Amino acid sequence: MDFVDFQKISLRHTPLGTRQQKPVLHDRQLDWPKMAALIRDNADVILQVEAGLAEDWLNTHGTIWDDQVGYHRYPNDNREFDDTVFWAASTWATPAILVTFHNETTQAFSCYRRGKDPDFHYLGTLGDAE
């Protein structure tokens, strides 16, 4: 999997005060296998990968993988808090990833498939990426 297989996207922030229910536009969830393939095939140039919703990035993103820890084990879970809290599905926003490269540049990409599953699936039963 290469970066050209992903569509670049701009990250935005929904200001406070606009917390009312958004209209249902679609069912999108993070595409874990596609993200894992990107990391597997490009780990030599990636410093960190974060995931969240592009239209409200500041409130919804968290670190999924970095070159020191690897995959963060329990995102959205208090068993081993590692500063990873993110939203992985939405009916109005676009699941996305933000890749930080070793030269400290960043690029955001949309990374979703149809679905409503907000859970994380990249660890598998043995802690390996799928």
C-alpha atoms as a PDB file:
ATOM      1  CA  MET A   1       0.000   0.000   0.000  1.00  0.00           C
ATOM      2  CA  ASP A   2       1.395   3.397  -0.937  1.00  0.00           C
ATOM      3  CA  PHE A   3       0.426   6.975  -0.151  1.00  0.00           C
ATOM      4  CA  VAL A   4      -0.852   7.476  -3.708  1.00  0.00           C
ATOM      5  CA  ASP A   5      -3.622   4.979  -2.837  1.00  0.00           C
ATOM      6  CA  PHE A   6      -5.036   7.493  -0.334  1.00  0.00           C
ATOM      7  CA  GLN A   7      -6.892  10.730  -0.983  1.00  0.00           C
ATOM      8  CA  LYS A   8      -5.407  13.807   0.694  1.00  0.00           C
ATOM      9  CA  ILE A   9      -7.814  15.669   2.970  1.00  0.00           C
ATOM     10  CA  SER A  10      -7.830  18.888   4.992  1.00  0.00           C
ATOM     11  CA  LEU A  11      -8.370  18.689   8.731  1.00  0.00           C
ATOM     12  CA  ARG A  12     -10.802  21.099  10.383  1.00  0.00           C
ATOM     13  CA  HIS A  13     -12.169  21.846  13.822  1.00  0.00           C
ATOM     14  CA  THR A  14     -15.814  22.163  14.802  1.00  0.00           C
ATOM     15  CA  PRO A  15     -15.987  25.172  17.143  1.00  0.00           C
ATOM     16  CA  LEU A  16     -17.523  24.851  20.577  1.00  0.00           C
ATOM     17  CA  GLY A  17     -21.207  25.662  20.540  1.00  0.00           C
ATOM     18  CA  THR A  18     -21.984  23.499  17.505  1.00  0.00           C
ATOM     19  CA  ARG A  19     -22.449  20.288  19.459  1.00  0.00           C
ATOM     20  CA  GLN A  20     -26.038  19.643  18.344  1.00  0.00           C
ATOM     21  CA  GLN A  21     -26.817  16.411  16.494  1.00  0.00           C
ATOM     22  CA  LYS A  22     -25.465  16.516  12.955  1.00  0.00           C
ATOM     23  CA  PRO A  23     -27.630  15.219  10.100  1.00  0.00           C
ATOM     24  CA  VAL A  24     -26.954  11.639   8.993  1.00  0.00           C
ATOM     25  CA  LEU A  25     -25.089  11.830   5.696  1.00  0.00           C
ATOM     26  CA  HIS A  26     -23.471   8.382   5.482  1.00  0.00           C
ATOM     27  CA  ASP A  27     -22.106   5.451   7.487  1.00  0.00           C
ATOM     28  CA  ARG A  28     -18.302   5.551   7.494  1.00  0.00           C
ATOM     29  CA  GLN A  29     -15.778   3.806   9.678  1.00  0.00           C
ATOM     30  CA  LEU A  30     -12.007   3.798   9.713  1.00  0.00           C
ATOM     31  CA  ASP A  31     -10.544   1.292   7.259  1.00  0.00           C
ATOM     32  CA  TRP A  32      -8.236  -0.609   9.634  1.00  0.00           C
ATOM     33  CA  PRO A  33      -6.796  -3.083   7.086  1.00  0.00           C
ATOM     34  CA  LYS A  34      -5.918  -0.275   4.660  1.00  0.00           C
ATOM     35  CA  MET A  35      -4.294   1.761   7.436  1.00  0.00           C
ATOM     36  CA  ALA A  36      -2.355  -1.272   8.705  1.00  0.00           C
ATOM     37  CA  ALA A  37      -1.120  -2.024   5.170  1.00  0.00           C
ATOM     38  CA  LEU A  38       0.081   1.567   4.774  1.00  0.00           C
ATOM     39  CA  ILE A  39       1.994   1.379   8.061  1.00  0.00           C
ATOM     40  CA  ARG A  40       3.431  -2.066   7.294  1.00  0.00           C
ATOM     41  CA  ASP A  41       4.648  -1.026   3.848  1.00  0.00           C
ATOM     42  CA  ASN A  42       5.993   2.412   4.843  1.00  0.00           C
ATOM     43  CA  ALA A  43       7.139   2.122   8.469  1.00  0.00           C
ATOM     44  CA  ASP A  44      10.657   3.127   7.453  1.00  0.00           C
ATOM     45  CA  VAL A  45       9.511   6.681   6.598  1.00  0.00           C
ATOM     46  CA  ILE A  46       6.704   7.150   9.151  1.00  0.00           C
ATOM     47  CA  LEU A  47       7.243   8.659  12.600  1.00  0.00           C
ATOM     48  CA  GLN A  48       3.606   8.570  13.796  1.00  0.00           C
ATOM     49  CA  VAL A  49       0.041   7.898  12.611  1.00  0.00           C
ATOM     50  CA  GLU A  50      -3.000   9.486  14.235  1.00  0.00           C
ATOM     51  CA  ALA A  51      -6.659   8.750  13.481  1.00  0.00           C
ATOM     52  CA  GLY A  52      -9.843  10.780  13.940  1.00  0.00           C
ATOM     53  CA  LEU A  53     -12.558  12.657  12.078  1.00  0.00           C
ATOM     54  CA  ALA A  54     -11.338  15.198   9.523  1.00  0.00           C
ATOM     55  CA  GLU A  55     -14.166  17.691  10.110  1.00  0.00           C
ATOM     56  CA  ASP A  56     -13.538  17.846  13.891  1.00  0.00           C
ATOM     57  CA  TRP A  57      -9.925  16.768  14.213  1.00  0.00           C
ATOM     58  CA  LEU A  58      -8.988  18.492  17.483  1.00  0.00           C
ATOM     59  CA  ASN A  59     -11.802  16.805  19.419  1.00  0.00           C
ATOM     60  CA  THR A  60     -11.596  13.360  17.820  1.00  0.00           C
ATOM     61  CA  HIS A  61      -7.985  12.354  17.067  1.00  0.00           C
ATOM     62  CA  GLY A  62      -5.474  10.167  18.861  1.00  0.00           C
ATOM     63  CA  THR A  63      -2.217   8.357  18.179  1.00  0.00           C
ATOM     64  CA  ILE A  64      -2.631   4.887  16.690  1.00  0.00           C
ATOM     65  CA  TRP A  65       0.983   3.993  15.882  1.00  0.00           C
ATOM     66  CA  ASP A  66       4.455   5.454  16.313  1.00  0.00           C
ATOM     67  CA  ASP A  67       7.970   4.285  15.580  1.00  0.00           C
ATOM     68  CA  GLN A  68       8.839   3.931  19.281  1.00  0.00           C
ATOM     69  CA  VAL A  69       5.819   2.030  20.695  1.00  0.00           C
ATOM     70  CA  GLY A  70       4.371   0.513  17.546  1.00  0.00           C
ATOM     71  CA  TYR A  71       0.611   0.100  17.755  1.00  0.00           C
ATOM     72  CA  HIS A  72      -0.868   1.699  20.841  1.00  0.00           C
ATOM     73  CA  ARG A  73      -2.553  -1.162  22.630  1.00  0.00           C
ATOM     74  CA  TYR A  74      -5.739   0.218  24.190  1.00  0.00           C
ATOM     75  CA  PRO A  75      -7.083   3.293  22.443  1.00  0.00           C
ATOM     76  CA  ASN A  76     -10.308   4.594  23.991  1.00  0.00           C
ATOM     77  CA  ASP A  77      -9.738   2.372  27.032  1.00  0.00           C
ATOM     78  CA  ASN A  78      -8.626   3.200  30.569  1.00  0.00           C
ATOM     79  CA  ARG A  79      -6.700  -0.064  31.158  1.00  0.00           C
ATOM     80  CA  GLU A  80      -3.438   1.437  29.879  1.00  0.00           C
ATOM     81  CA  PHE A  81      -4.010   5.092  29.168  1.00  0.00           C
ATOM     82  CA  ASP A  82      -1.506   6.197  26.543  1.00  0.00           C
ATOM     83  CA  ASP A  83      -3.061   9.497  25.404  1.00  0.00           C
ATOM     84  CA  THR A  84      -4.875   7.749  22.566  1.00  0.00           C
ATOM     85  CA  VAL A  85      -8.530   8.656  22.341  1.00  0.00           C
ATOM     86  CA  PHE A  86     -10.107   8.888  18.924  1.00  0.00           C
ATOM     87  CA  TRP A  87     -13.343   8.480  16.999  1.00  0.00           C
ATOM     88  CA  ALA A  88     -13.269   5.756  14.360  1.00  0.00           C
ATOM     89  CA  ALA A  89     -16.779   6.038  12.851  1.00  0.00           C
ATOM     90  CA  SER A  90     -19.228   8.779  11.943  1.00  0.00           C
ATOM     91  CA  THR A  91     -22.538   9.419  10.223  1.00  0.00           C
ATOM     92  CA  TRP A  92     -21.524  12.961   9.220  1.00  0.00           C
ATOM     93  CA  ALA A  93     -17.703  13.279   9.235  1.00  0.00           C
ATOM     94  CA  THR A  94     -14.839  11.599   7.371  1.00  0.00           C
ATOM     95  CA  PRO A  95     -12.571   9.127   9.197  1.00  0.00           C
ATOM     96  CA  ALA A  96      -9.013  10.163   8.448  1.00  0.00           C
ATOM     97  CA  ILE A  97      -5.394   9.595   9.376  1.00  0.00           C
ATOM     98  CA  LEU A  98      -2.603  12.094   9.883  1.00  0.00           C
ATOM     99  CA  VAL A  99       0.838  10.750   9.015  1.00  0.00           C
ATOM    100  CA  THR A 100       3.929  12.393  10.480  1.00  0.00           C
ATOM    101  CA  PHE A 101       7.055  11.521   8.522  1.00  0.00           C
ATOM    102  CA  HIS A 102      10.618  11.254   9.847  1.00  0.00           C
ATOM    103  CA  ASN A 103      11.423  14.670   8.369  1.00  0.00           C
ATOM    104  CA  GLU A 104       8.594  16.012  10.627  1.00  0.00           C
ATOM    105  CA  THR A 105       6.293  16.955   7.752  1.00  0.00           C
ATOM    106  CA  THR A 106       2.674  15.819   7.998  1.00  0.00           C
ATOM    107  CA  GLN A 107      -0.036  14.833   5.548  1.00  0.00           C
ATOM    108  CA  ALA A 108      -3.684  13.981   6.194  1.00  0.00           C
ATOM    109  CA  PHE A 109      -5.557  11.328   4.210  1.00  0.00           C
ATOM    110  CA  SER A 110      -9.134  10.098   4.237  1.00  0.00           C
ATOM    111  CA  CYS A 111      -9.189   6.450   5.302  1.00  0.00           C
ATOM    112  CA  TYR A 112     -12.638   4.903   5.535  1.00  0.00           C
ATOM    113  CA  ARG A 113     -15.003   2.269   4.310  1.00  0.00           C
ATOM    114  CA  ARG A 114     -18.741   1.865   4.668  1.00  0.00           C
ATOM    115  CA  GLY A 115     -19.782   0.814   8.158  1.00  0.00           C
ATOM    116  CA  LYS A 116     -20.775   1.924  11.649  1.00  0.00           C
ATOM    117  CA  ASP A 117     -18.212   0.097  13.788  1.00  0.00           C
ATOM    118  CA  PRO A 118     -16.436   2.591  16.104  1.00  0.00           C
ATOM    119  CA  ASP A 119     -14.203  -0.046  17.717  1.00  0.00           C
ATOM    120  CA  PHE A 120     -10.529  -0.649  17.040  1.00  0.00           C
ATOM    121  CA  HIS A 121      -9.555  -3.824  15.185  1.00  0.00           C
ATOM    122  CA  TYR A 122      -5.947  -3.398  14.174  1.00  0.00           C
ATOM    123  CA  LEU A 123      -4.473  -5.352  17.053  1.00  0.00           C
ATOM    124  CA  GLY A 124      -6.098  -8.705  16.348  1.00  0.00           C
ATOM    125  CA  THR A 125      -6.149 -11.439  18.978  1.00  0.00           C
ATOM    126  CA  LEU A 126      -2.369 -11.612  19.352  1.00  0.00           C
ATOM    127  CA  GLY A 127      -1.597  -7.901  19.229  1.00  0.00           C
ATOM    128  CA  ASP A 128      -0.484  -7.952  15.601  1.00  0.00           C
ATOM    129  CA  ALA A 129      -1.893  -5.666  12.934  1.00  0.00           C
ATOM    130  CA  GLU A 130      -4.323  -7.385  10.591  1.00  0.00           C
END
